[in-house]
Amino acid sequence: MSYSTVDEVCSEFPRFQRNQAGSVSDAQIAGWLAGFAARIDSALAERGIVVADLTLTAAQAAWLAALNQDAGVGKLGVVLQGNVTMQPGEYSLAAARGRQYEKVLAGVHDGVYDKFWGIQTKSKFGGVGGAEVAKTDTPEALGENRAFGKDDVY
């Protein structure tokens, strides 16, 4: 399952003729999109978001589609550029779209989009909201003895 379609990816390359002999097939592009969607799902699952269990808002669905399309356009562009010679320093739209996909995916891993998905931010240490220990882990619950404090005088 992917969030974008082969038609959406191919529309970025108006002169690209689909399903021609010796060219990239629709099935190949669909496979790429499914693979990229799996990477997106994996990154979101790492943050505690299981897309299949959600009722997506229009914004969330559009975000997933745009991210999946960026990856597909980047991949197809790189493949097509293998058939042409670019001038030194020439801007590559395909490479830029691929970099955008990787940048957003890195942001997902870092929790940049947690608020967009409506989840509580988790730190990289497993705590909640930037703390390394969950609120329920009190000293008593952890079996810690804090009878002696820093400023106690005996």
N, C-alpha and C. Protein backbone atom coordinates (compact mmCIF):
# COMPACT_ATOMS: atom_id res chain seq x y z
N MET A 1 0.84 -1.18 0.00
CA MET A 1 0.00 0.00 0.00
C MET A 1 0.88 1.24 0.00
N SER A 2 0.53 2.20 -0.83
CA SER A 2 1.26 3.46 -0.84
C SER A 2 0.28 4.61 -0.66
N TYR A 3 0.83 5.77 -0.38
CA TYR A 3 -0.01 6.94 -0.14
C TYR A 3 -0.13 7.82 -1.37
N SER A 4 0.66 7.55 -2.38
CA SER A 4 0.63 8.29 -3.65
C SER A 4 0.40 7.29 -4.77
N THR A 5 0.09 7.80 -5.94
CA THR A 5 -0.17 6.91 -7.07
C THR A 5 0.92 7.05 -8.13
N VAL A 6 0.97 6.07 -8.99
CA VAL A 6 1.92 6.10 -10.11
C VAL A 6 1.59 7.29 -11.01
N ASP A 7 0.31 7.59 -11.20
CA ASP A 7 -0.09 8.74 -12.04
C ASP A 7 0.45 10.04 -11.47
N GLU A 8 0.38 10.20 -10.15
CA GLU A 8 0.87 11.44 -9.53
C GLU A 8 2.38 11.59 -9.71
N VAL A 9 3.10 10.51 -9.60
CA VAL A 9 4.55 10.56 -9.76
C VAL A 9 4.91 10.85 -11.21
N CYS A 10 4.28 10.14 -12.14
CA CYS A 10 4.61 10.30 -13.56
C CYS A 10 4.19 11.68 -14.09
N SER A 11 3.20 12.30 -13.48
CA SER A 11 2.76 13.62 -13.95
C SER A 11 3.83 14.68 -13.74
N GLU A 12 4.80 14.41 -12.88
CA GLU A 12 5.90 15.36 -12.67
C GLU A 12 6.89 15.35 -13.85
N PHE A 13 6.77 14.35 -14.70
CA PHE A 13 7.65 14.22 -15.87
C PHE A 13 6.78 14.14 -17.12
N PRO A 14 6.33 15.28 -17.63
CA PRO A 14 5.35 15.27 -18.72
C PRO A 14 5.81 14.55 -19.99
N ARG A 15 7.10 14.52 -20.26
CA ARG A 15 7.58 13.87 -21.48
C ARG A 15 7.91 12.39 -21.28
N PHE A 16 7.76 11.92 -20.07
CA PHE A 16 8.02 10.51 -19.77
C PHE A 16 6.90 9.66 -20.35
N GLN A 17 7.27 8.68 -21.17
CA GLN A 17 6.28 7.79 -21.77
C GLN A 17 6.27 6.50 -20.97
N ARG A 18 5.14 6.25 -20.38
CA ARG A 18 5.00 5.11 -19.47
C ARG A 18 4.89 3.79 -20.22
N ASN A 19 5.41 2.75 -19.57
CA ASN A 19 5.30 1.36 -20.04
C ASN A 19 5.84 1.14 -21.45
N GLN A 20 6.89 1.87 -21.80
CA GLN A 20 7.54 1.66 -23.09
C GLN A 20 8.65 0.62 -22.92
N ALA A 21 8.96 -0.07 -23.99
CA ALA A 21 10.01 -1.09 -23.95
C ALA A 21 11.33 -0.46 -23.53
N GLY A 22 11.99 -1.07 -22.57
CA GLY A 22 13.29 -0.57 -22.11
C GLY A 22 13.18 0.58 -21.13
N SER A 23 11.97 0.93 -20.74
CA SER A 23 11.76 2.04 -19.81
C SER A 23 11.22 1.51 -18.48
N VAL A 24 11.01 2.38 -17.56
CA VAL A 24 10.49 2.02 -16.25
C VAL A 24 9.00 1.70 -16.37
N SER A 25 8.60 0.59 -15.80
CA SER A 25 7.19 0.20 -15.89
C SER A 25 6.40 0.76 -14.70
N ASP A 26 5.10 0.82 -14.87
CA ASP A 26 4.22 1.26 -13.79
C ASP A 26 4.36 0.35 -12.57
N ALA A 27 4.55 -0.93 -12.81
CA ALA A 27 4.70 -1.89 -11.71
C ALA A 27 5.96 -1.59 -10.89
N GLN A 28 7.05 -1.19 -11.56
CA GLN A 28 8.27 -0.83 -10.84
C GLN A 28 8.04 0.40 -9.97
N ILE A 29 7.38 1.41 -10.53
CA ILE A 29 7.12 2.64 -9.79
C ILE A 29 6.21 2.34 -8.60
N ALA A 30 5.19 1.52 -8.82
CA ALA A 30 4.29 1.14 -7.73
C ALA A 30 5.06 0.41 -6.62
N GLY A 31 6.01 -0.42 -7.01
CA GLY A 31 6.84 -1.11 -6.03
C GLY A 31 7.69 -0.14 -5.22
N TRP A 32 8.26 0.87 -5.90
CA TRP A 32 9.04 1.88 -5.20
C TRP A 32 8.16 2.62 -4.19
N LEU A 33 6.97 3.01 -4.65
CA LEU A 33 6.06 3.76 -3.77
C LEU A 33 5.67 2.93 -2.55
N ALA A 34 5.44 1.64 -2.75
CA ALA A 34 5.10 0.77 -1.62
C ALA A 34 6.27 0.67 -0.65
N GLY A 35 7.47 0.58 -1.17
CA GLY A 35 8.66 0.53 -0.32
C GLY A 35 8.85 1.82 0.47
N PHE A 36 8.66 2.95 -0.21
CA PHE A 36 8.79 4.23 0.49
C PHE A 36 7.69 4.39 1.54
N ALA A 37 6.48 3.93 1.24
CA ALA A 37 5.39 4.00 2.21
C ALA A 37 5.71 3.14 3.44
N ALA A 38 6.35 2.01 3.22
CA ALA A 38 6.74 1.15 4.34
C ALA A 38 7.76 1.86 5.22
N ARG A 39 8.69 2.59 4.60
CA ARG A 39 9.68 3.35 5.38
C ARG A 39 9.00 4.45 6.18
N ILE A 40 8.00 5.10 5.57
CA ILE A 40 7.24 6.14 6.27
C ILE A 40 6.52 5.53 7.46
N ASP A 41 5.83 4.41 7.22
CA ASP A 41 5.10 3.73 8.30
C ASP A 41 6.04 3.32 9.42
N SER A 42 7.22 2.84 9.06
CA SER A 42 8.19 2.40 10.05
C SER A 42 8.67 3.57 10.90
N ALA A 43 8.96 4.70 10.25
CA ALA A 43 9.41 5.88 10.99
C ALA A 43 8.32 6.38 11.93
N LEU A 44 7.09 6.38 11.46
CA LEU A 44 5.98 6.83 12.30
C LEU A 44 5.73 5.85 13.44
N ALA A 45 5.85 4.56 13.17
CA ALA A 45 5.66 3.55 14.22
C ALA A 45 6.71 3.69 15.31
N GLU A 46 7.90 4.08 14.92
CA GLU A 46 8.96 4.32 15.89
C GLU A 46 8.55 5.42 16.87
N ARG A 47 7.73 6.35 16.41
CA ARG A 47 7.25 7.44 17.26
C ARG A 47 5.94 7.09 17.95
N GLY A 48 5.45 5.86 17.76
CA GLY A 48 4.21 5.45 18.41
C GLY A 48 2.96 5.71 17.58
N ILE A 49 3.12 5.98 16.30
CA ILE A 49 1.99 6.28 15.43
C ILE A 49 1.80 5.12 14.47
N VAL A 50 0.69 4.43 14.56
CA VAL A 50 0.36 3.35 13.64
C VAL A 50 -0.72 3.88 12.70
N VAL A 51 -0.31 4.21 11.49
CA VAL A 51 -1.20 4.87 10.54
C VAL A 51 -2.43 4.02 10.25
N ALA A 52 -2.27 2.72 10.17
CA ALA A 52 -3.40 1.84 9.85
C ALA A 52 -4.50 1.90 10.90
N ASP A 53 -4.14 2.27 12.13
CA ASP A 53 -5.12 2.33 13.22
C ASP A 53 -5.79 3.69 13.34
N LEU A 54 -5.37 4.66 12.53
CA LEU A 54 -5.88 6.03 12.65
C LEU A 54 -6.96 6.34 11.63
N THR A 55 -7.81 7.27 11.99
CA THR A 55 -8.69 7.91 11.01
C THR A 55 -7.98 9.21 10.65
N LEU A 56 -7.42 9.26 9.46
CA LEU A 56 -6.57 10.39 9.07
C LEU A 56 -7.39 11.64 8.79
N THR A 57 -6.85 12.78 9.20
CA THR A 57 -7.43 14.05 8.80
C THR A 57 -7.01 14.30 7.35
N ALA A 58 -7.65 15.27 6.72
CA ALA A 58 -7.28 15.61 5.33
C ALA A 58 -5.83 16.06 5.27
N ALA A 59 -5.39 16.82 6.26
CA ALA A 59 -4.01 17.31 6.28
C ALA A 59 -3.02 16.17 6.43
N GLN A 60 -3.33 15.21 7.30
CA GLN A 60 -2.44 14.07 7.50
C GLN A 60 -2.36 13.21 6.25
N ALA A 61 -3.49 12.98 5.60
CA ALA A 61 -3.49 12.18 4.36
C ALA A 61 -2.70 12.89 3.27
N ALA A 62 -2.87 14.21 3.17
CA ALA A 62 -2.13 14.98 2.16
C ALA A 62 -0.63 14.97 2.47
N TRP A 63 -0.27 15.03 3.74
CA TRP A 63 1.13 15.01 4.13
C TRP A 63 1.77 13.68 3.74
N LEU A 64 1.07 12.58 4.03
CA LEU A 64 1.57 11.25 3.67
C LEU A 64 1.71 11.12 2.15
N ALA A 65 0.71 11.60 1.41
CA ALA A 65 0.75 11.52 -0.06
C ALA A 65 1.91 12.34 -0.62
N ALA A 66 2.09 13.55 -0.09
CA ALA A 66 3.18 14.41 -0.58
C ALA A 66 4.55 13.81 -0.29
N LEU A 67 4.69 13.24 0.90
CA LEU A 67 5.97 12.63 1.27
C LEU A 67 6.26 11.41 0.39
N ASN A 68 5.24 10.58 0.17
CA ASN A 68 5.39 9.41 -0.68
C ASN A 68 5.69 9.82 -2.13
N GLN A 69 5.02 10.88 -2.58
CA GLN A 69 5.23 11.36 -3.95
C GLN A 69 6.64 11.94 -4.10
N ASP A 70 7.12 12.68 -3.10
CA ASP A 70 8.49 13.21 -3.16
C ASP A 70 9.50 12.09 -3.35
N ALA A 71 9.32 11.01 -2.61
CA ALA A 71 10.24 9.88 -2.72
C ALA A 71 10.15 9.25 -4.11
N GLY A 72 8.93 9.05 -4.61
CA GLY A 72 8.75 8.45 -5.93
C GLY A 72 9.32 9.30 -7.04
N VAL A 73 9.07 10.60 -6.96
CA VAL A 73 9.60 11.52 -7.98
C VAL A 73 11.12 11.53 -7.94
N GLY A 74 11.68 11.52 -6.73
CA GLY A 74 13.13 11.49 -6.61
C GLY A 74 13.73 10.24 -7.23
N LYS A 75 13.13 9.10 -6.96
CA LYS A 75 13.64 7.82 -7.50
C LYS A 75 13.49 7.76 -9.02
N LEU A 76 12.29 8.11 -9.52
CA LEU A 76 12.08 8.07 -10.97
C LEU A 76 13.00 9.06 -11.68
N GLY A 77 13.17 10.22 -11.10
CA GLY A 77 14.04 11.22 -11.70
C GLY A 77 15.48 10.76 -11.79
N VAL A 78 15.95 10.12 -10.75
CA VAL A 78 17.32 9.61 -10.77
C VAL A 78 17.48 8.55 -11.85
N VAL A 79 16.49 7.67 -11.97
CA VAL A 79 16.55 6.63 -13.00
C VAL A 79 16.53 7.26 -14.39
N LEU A 80 15.66 8.23 -14.60
CA LEU A 80 15.58 8.88 -15.91
C LEU A 80 16.84 9.69 -16.22
N GLN A 81 17.44 10.29 -15.19
CA GLN A 81 18.65 11.07 -15.42
C GLN A 81 19.82 10.17 -15.82
N GLY A 82 19.70 8.88 -15.53
CA GLY A 82 20.73 7.95 -15.98
C GLY A 82 20.77 7.85 -17.50
N ASN A 83 19.71 8.30 -18.17
CA ASN A 83 19.65 8.24 -19.63
C ASN A 83 20.07 9.55 -20.30
N VAL A 84 20.31 10.59 -19.51
CA VAL A 84 20.72 11.89 -20.07
C VAL A 84 21.97 12.36 -19.36
N THR A 85 22.67 13.27 -19.99
CA THR A 85 23.86 13.85 -19.39
C THR A 85 23.53 15.25 -18.92
N MET A 86 23.70 15.47 -17.63
CA MET A 86 23.45 16.81 -17.08
C MET A 86 24.73 17.61 -17.13
N GLN A 87 24.58 18.91 -17.28
CA GLN A 87 25.73 19.80 -17.28
C GLN A 87 26.27 19.95 -15.85
N PRO A 88 27.56 20.17 -15.70
CA PRO A 88 28.11 20.36 -14.35
C PRO A 88 27.40 21.53 -13.66
N GLY A 89 26.96 21.30 -12.44
CA GLY A 89 26.28 22.34 -11.68
C GLY A 89 24.81 22.52 -12.00
N GLU A 90 24.30 21.72 -12.94
CA GLU A 90 22.88 21.84 -13.32
C GLU A 90 22.01 21.35 -12.17
N TYR A 91 20.94 22.10 -11.90
CA TYR A 91 20.03 21.77 -10.80
C TYR A 91 19.23 20.52 -11.13
N SER A 92 19.17 19.60 -10.20
CA SER A 92 18.43 18.36 -10.39
C SER A 92 17.19 18.39 -9.51
N LEU A 93 16.03 18.55 -10.12
CA LEU A 93 14.77 18.55 -9.39
C LEU A 93 14.56 17.20 -8.71
N ALA A 94 14.92 16.14 -9.39
CA ALA A 94 14.73 14.80 -8.82
C ALA A 94 15.56 14.62 -7.55
N ALA A 95 16.79 15.06 -7.59
CA ALA A 95 17.64 14.94 -6.41
C ALA A 95 17.10 15.80 -5.26
N ALA A 96 16.58 16.97 -5.60
CA ALA A 96 16.01 17.85 -4.57
C ALA A 96 14.78 17.21 -3.92
N ARG A 97 13.94 16.57 -4.72
CA ARG A 97 12.76 15.90 -4.16
C ARG A 97 13.17 14.72 -3.29
N GLY A 98 14.18 13.99 -3.70
CA GLY A 98 14.68 12.89 -2.88
C GLY A 98 15.25 13.38 -1.56
N ARG A 99 15.99 14.51 -1.60
CA ARG A 99 16.53 15.08 -0.36
C ARG A 99 15.42 15.56 0.55
N GLN A 100 14.35 16.13 -0.02
CA GLN A 100 13.22 16.59 0.78
C GLN A 100 12.58 15.41 1.52
N TYR A 101 12.42 14.29 0.83
CA TYR A 101 11.86 13.09 1.44
C TYR A 101 12.72 12.65 2.62
N GLU A 102 14.03 12.58 2.41
CA GLU A 102 14.94 12.13 3.47
C GLU A 102 14.94 13.12 4.64
N LYS A 103 14.85 14.41 4.34
CA LYS A 103 14.82 15.44 5.40
C LYS A 103 13.57 15.30 6.26
N VAL A 104 12.43 15.12 5.63
CA VAL A 104 11.18 14.97 6.38
C VAL A 104 11.19 13.67 7.18
N LEU A 105 11.69 12.61 6.59
CA LEU A 105 11.76 11.33 7.31
C LEU A 105 12.67 11.44 8.53
N ALA A 106 13.77 12.18 8.39
CA ALA A 106 14.65 12.41 9.54
C ALA A 106 13.91 13.20 10.62
N GLY A 107 13.08 14.16 10.18
CA GLY A 107 12.27 14.91 11.13
C GLY A 107 11.27 14.04 11.86
N VAL A 108 10.72 13.05 11.18
CA VAL A 108 9.81 12.11 11.82
C VAL A 108 10.56 11.34 12.91
N HIS A 109 11.76 10.87 12.58
CA HIS A 109 12.57 10.14 13.56
C HIS A 109 12.88 11.00 14.78
N ASP A 110 13.09 12.30 14.56
CA ASP A 110 13.46 13.20 15.65
C ASP A 110 12.27 13.76 16.41
N GLY A 111 11.05 13.43 15.98
CA GLY A 111 9.87 13.89 16.70
C GLY A 111 9.36 15.26 16.29
N VAL A 112 9.86 15.80 15.19
CA VAL A 112 9.46 17.13 14.74
C VAL A 112 7.95 17.18 14.45
N TYR A 113 7.39 16.09 13.97
CA TYR A 113 5.99 16.08 13.54
C TYR A 113 5.05 15.44 14.57
N ASP A 114 5.51 15.21 15.79
CA ASP A 114 4.67 14.58 16.80
C ASP A 114 3.39 15.36 17.06
N LYS A 115 3.51 16.66 17.17
CA LYS A 115 2.32 17.48 17.45
C LYS A 115 1.32 17.39 16.30
N PHE A 116 1.81 17.35 15.07
CA PHE A 116 0.94 17.22 13.90
C PHE A 116 0.12 15.95 13.98
N TRP A 117 0.72 14.89 14.50
CA TRP A 117 0.03 13.61 14.61
C TRP A 117 -0.72 13.46 15.92
N GLY A 118 -0.63 14.48 16.78
CA GLY A 118 -1.41 14.49 18.01
C GLY A 118 -0.93 13.53 19.07
N ILE A 119 0.39 13.31 19.14
CA ILE A 119 0.91 12.43 20.18
C ILE A 119 1.79 13.23 21.13
N GLN A 120 1.95 12.70 22.32
CA GLN A 120 2.81 13.32 23.30
C GLN A 120 4.25 13.05 22.90
N THR A 121 5.08 14.08 22.93
CA THR A 121 6.46 13.95 22.53
C THR A 121 7.20 12.99 23.45
N LYS A 122 7.99 12.12 22.87
CA LYS A 122 8.81 11.18 23.63
C LYS A 122 10.27 11.53 23.39
N SER A 123 11.05 11.47 24.44
CA SER A 123 12.48 11.74 24.27
C SER A 123 13.16 10.52 23.66
N LYS A 124 14.37 10.71 23.19
CA LYS A 124 15.12 9.60 22.62
C LYS A 124 15.53 8.59 23.69
N PHE A 125 15.40 8.96 24.97
CA PHE A 125 15.76 8.07 26.06
C PHE A 125 14.58 7.23 26.52
N GLY A 126 13.41 7.43 25.90
CA GLY A 126 12.25 6.64 26.27
C GLY A 126 11.34 7.31 27.26
N GLY A 127 11.72 8.49 27.77
CA GLY A 127 10.87 9.22 28.70
C GLY A 127 9.78 9.96 27.96
N VAL A 128 9.02 10.72 28.69
CA VAL A 128 7.91 11.46 28.10
C VAL A 128 8.15 12.95 28.28
N GLY A 129 7.92 13.72 27.23
CA GLY A 129 8.02 15.18 27.32
C GLY A 129 9.43 15.67 27.61
N GLY A 130 10.42 14.92 27.23
CA GLY A 130 11.80 15.34 27.43
C GLY A 130 12.42 14.81 28.71
N ALA A 131 11.64 14.25 29.60
CA ALA A 131 12.19 13.69 30.84
C ALA A 131 12.66 12.27 30.57
N GLU A 132 13.65 11.84 31.33
CA GLU A 132 14.14 10.49 31.13
C GLU A 132 13.38 9.45 31.94
N VAL A 133 12.53 9.91 32.85
CA VAL A 133 11.77 8.99 33.68
C VAL A 133 10.30 9.38 33.57
N ALA A 134 9.45 8.40 33.36
CA ALA A 134 8.02 8.69 33.26
C ALA A 134 7.50 9.19 34.60
N LYS A 135 6.40 9.96 34.56
CA LYS A 135 5.83 10.53 35.77
C LYS A 135 5.42 9.47 36.78
N THR A 136 5.06 8.30 36.32
CA THR A 136 4.61 7.24 37.22
C THR A 136 5.77 6.58 37.96
N ASP A 137 6.99 6.81 37.51
CA ASP A 137 8.16 6.20 38.15
C ASP A 137 8.65 7.09 39.29
N THR A 138 7.93 7.08 40.39
CA THR A 138 8.32 7.86 41.57
C THR A 138 9.42 7.11 42.31
N PRO A 139 10.16 7.79 43.19
CA PRO A 139 11.20 7.08 43.95
C PRO A 139 10.64 5.88 44.72
N GLU A 140 9.42 6.05 45.27
CA GLU A 140 8.82 4.95 46.01
C GLU A 140 8.51 3.77 45.08
N ALA A 141 7.98 4.06 43.89
CA ALA A 141 7.64 3.00 42.94
C ALA A 141 8.89 2.28 42.44
N LEU A 142 9.99 3.01 42.38
CA LEU A 142 11.25 2.41 41.91
C LEU A 142 12.02 1.74 43.04
N GLY A 143 11.49 1.83 44.27
CA GLY A 143 12.17 1.20 45.40
C GLY A 143 13.40 1.96 45.85
N GLU A 144 13.44 3.26 45.60
CA GLU A 144 14.59 4.06 45.99
C GLU A 144 14.38 4.63 47.39
N ASN A 145 15.45 4.71 48.15
CA ASN A 145 15.38 5.27 49.48
C ASN A 145 16.02 6.65 49.43
N ARG A 146 15.21 7.65 49.66
CA ARG A 146 15.74 9.01 49.65
C ARG A 146 15.60 9.65 51.03
N ALA A 147 15.91 8.87 52.03
CA ALA A 147 15.79 9.36 53.40
C ALA A 147 16.80 10.47 53.68
N PHE A 148 17.96 10.38 53.06
CA PHE A 148 18.98 11.40 53.27
C PHE A 148 18.97 12.34 52.08
N GLY A 149 18.81 13.62 52.36
CA GLY A 149 18.78 14.61 51.29
C GLY A 149 20.01 15.45 51.27
N LYS A 150 20.13 16.26 50.26
CA LYS A 150 21.33 17.09 50.03
C LYS A 150 21.54 18.09 51.17
N ASP A 151 20.48 18.76 51.58
CA ASP A 151 20.66 19.82 52.55
C ASP A 151 20.29 19.40 53.98
N ASP A 152 20.16 18.11 54.23
CA ASP A 152 19.84 17.66 55.58
C ASP A 152 21.03 17.83 56.51
N VAL A 153 20.74 18.25 57.73
CA VAL A 153 21.78 18.40 58.75
C VAL A 153 21.50 17.39 59.84
N TYR A 154 22.49 16.61 60.24
CA TYR A 154 22.30 15.57 61.25
C TYR A 154 23.21 15.77 62.41
